[in-house]
Amino acid sequence: MGKPKLKAHIINPEWCKGCGICVHFCPTNVLELNDKDKVFPARATDCICCRLCELRCPDLAIEIEIEQEAQ
């Protein structure tokens, strides 16, 4: 089984309160807050699919979608 490959960051801006927890926990600095204090993937290609942002978000506003490996 190889490394997971990112398919998409699914972010619900209506649920995001801009707390910055996801930004703080991201080990590769993928996430940032925009001018409306909503999270967005500023450097999506750097994502290692660790899902720390998804797991730490208190508002469940982030989901990391991973590509399924061919069987």
C-alpha atoms as a PDB file:
ATOM      1  CA  MET A   1       0.000   0.000   0.000  1.00  0.00           C
ATOM      2  CA  GLY A   2       1.529   3.298  -1.112  1.00  0.00           C
ATOM      3  CA  LYS A   3       1.125   6.814   0.197  1.00  0.00           C
ATOM      4  CA  PRO A   4      -2.408   8.185   0.034  1.00  0.00           C
ATOM      5  CA  LYS A   5      -2.978  10.642  -2.800  1.00  0.00           C
ATOM      6  CA  LEU A   6      -5.127  13.709  -2.293  1.00  0.00           C
ATOM      7  CA  LYS A   7      -8.248  13.950  -4.388  1.00  0.00           C
ATOM      8  CA  ALA A   8      -9.734  17.078  -2.808  1.00  0.00           C
ATOM      9  CA  HIS A   9     -10.045  19.297   0.235  1.00  0.00           C
ATOM     10  CA  ILE A  10     -13.757  19.580   0.883  1.00  0.00           C
ATOM     11  CA  ILE A  11     -14.356  22.667   2.998  1.00  0.00           C
ATOM     12  CA  ASN A  12     -17.753  23.903   4.104  1.00  0.00           C
ATOM     13  CA  PRO A  13     -17.272  27.673   4.518  1.00  0.00           C
ATOM     14  CA  GLU A  14     -20.644  28.008   6.269  1.00  0.00           C
ATOM     15  CA  TRP A  15     -19.412  25.758   9.086  1.00  0.00           C
ATOM     16  CA  CYS A  16     -15.888  27.236   9.312  1.00  0.00           C
ATOM     17  CA  LYS A  17     -15.639  29.841  12.072  1.00  0.00           C
ATOM     18  CA  GLY A  18     -12.043  30.784  11.253  1.00  0.00           C
ATOM     19  CA  CYS A  19     -10.510  29.527  14.497  1.00  0.00           C
ATOM     20  CA  GLY A  20      -7.255  28.552  12.752  1.00  0.00           C
ATOM     21  CA  ILE A  21      -6.847  25.206  14.538  1.00  0.00           C
ATOM     22  CA  CYS A  22      -6.514  23.377  11.215  1.00  0.00           C
ATOM     23  CA  VAL A  23      -3.925  25.898  10.010  1.00  0.00           C
ATOM     24  CA  HIS A  24      -1.917  25.423  13.199  1.00  0.00           C
ATOM     25  CA  PHE A  25      -1.918  21.607  13.073  1.00  0.00           C
ATOM     26  CA  CYS A  26      -1.098  21.204   9.349  1.00  0.00           C
ATOM     27  CA  PRO A  27       2.493  19.880   9.253  1.00  0.00           C
ATOM     28  CA  THR A  28       3.110  21.078   5.682  1.00  0.00           C
ATOM     29  CA  ASN A  29       1.457  24.529   5.908  1.00  0.00           C
ATOM     30  CA  VAL A  30      -1.163  23.730   3.273  1.00  0.00           C
ATOM     31  CA  LEU A  31      -3.987  25.695   4.854  1.00  0.00           C
ATOM     32  CA  GLU A  32      -4.476  29.422   5.348  1.00  0.00           C
ATOM     33  CA  LEU A  33      -7.318  31.719   6.345  1.00  0.00           C
ATOM     34  CA  ASN A  34      -8.651  34.063   3.683  1.00  0.00           C
ATOM     35  CA  ASP A  35      -9.738  37.688   4.138  1.00  0.00           C
ATOM     36  CA  LYS A  36     -13.109  36.459   5.496  1.00  0.00           C
ATOM     37  CA  ASP A  37     -11.381  34.191   8.060  1.00  0.00           C
ATOM     38  CA  LYS A  38     -12.390  31.030   6.234  1.00  0.00           C
ATOM     39  CA  VAL A  39      -9.899  28.239   5.676  1.00  0.00           C
ATOM     40  CA  PHE A  40      -8.704  27.358   2.176  1.00  0.00           C
ATOM     41  CA  PRO A  41      -5.969  25.088   0.767  1.00  0.00           C
ATOM     42  CA  ALA A  42      -3.304  27.613  -0.266  1.00  0.00           C
ATOM     43  CA  ARG A  43      -0.789  24.895  -1.186  1.00  0.00           C
ATOM     44  CA  ALA A  44      -2.905  21.797  -1.918  1.00  0.00           C
ATOM     45  CA  THR A  45      -0.084  20.042  -3.753  1.00  0.00           C
ATOM     46  CA  ASP A  46       1.909  19.957  -0.492  1.00  0.00           C
ATOM     47  CA  CYS A  47      -0.830  17.988   1.317  1.00  0.00           C
ATOM     48  CA  ILE A  48       0.379  14.646   2.716  1.00  0.00           C
ATOM     49  CA  CYS A  49      -3.166  13.476   3.570  1.00  0.00           C
ATOM     50  CA  CYS A  50      -2.451  13.169   7.286  1.00  0.00           C
ATOM     51  CA  ARG A  51      -5.997  14.379   7.994  1.00  0.00           C
ATOM     52  CA  LEU A  52      -4.947  16.344  11.092  1.00  0.00           C
ATOM     53  CA  CYS A  53      -7.008  19.294   9.859  1.00  0.00           C
ATOM     54  CA  GLU A  54     -10.072  17.093   9.447  1.00  0.00           C
ATOM     55  CA  LEU A  55      -9.604  15.434  12.841  1.00  0.00           C
ATOM     56  CA  ARG A  56      -8.916  18.670  14.755  1.00  0.00           C
ATOM     57  CA  CYS A  57     -11.622  20.880  13.214  1.00  0.00           C
ATOM     58  CA  PRO A  58     -14.160  21.471  16.012  1.00  0.00           C
ATOM     59  CA  ASP A  59     -16.832  22.411  13.460  1.00  0.00           C
ATOM     60  CA  LEU A  60     -16.380  19.406  11.112  1.00  0.00           C
ATOM     61  CA  ALA A  61     -15.892  21.893   8.275  1.00  0.00           C
ATOM     62  CA  ILE A  62     -13.029  20.020   6.549  1.00  0.00           C
ATOM     63  CA  GLU A  63     -12.972  16.654   4.825  1.00  0.00           C
ATOM     64  CA  ILE A  64      -9.956  15.208   3.047  1.00  0.00           C
ATOM     65  CA  GLU A  65     -10.909  13.078   0.076  1.00  0.00           C
ATOM     66  CA  ILE A  66      -8.292  10.521  -0.943  1.00  0.00           C
ATOM     67  CA  GLU A  67      -8.059   8.764  -4.304  1.00  0.00           C
ATOM     68  CA  GLN A  68      -8.738   5.046  -4.115  1.00  0.00           C
ATOM     69  CA  GLU A  69      -5.973   2.756  -5.311  1.00  0.00           C
ATOM     70  CA  ALA A  70      -6.727   0.474  -8.265  1.00  0.00           C
ATOM     71  CA  GLN A  71      -7.108  -3.137  -7.179  1.00  0.00           C
END
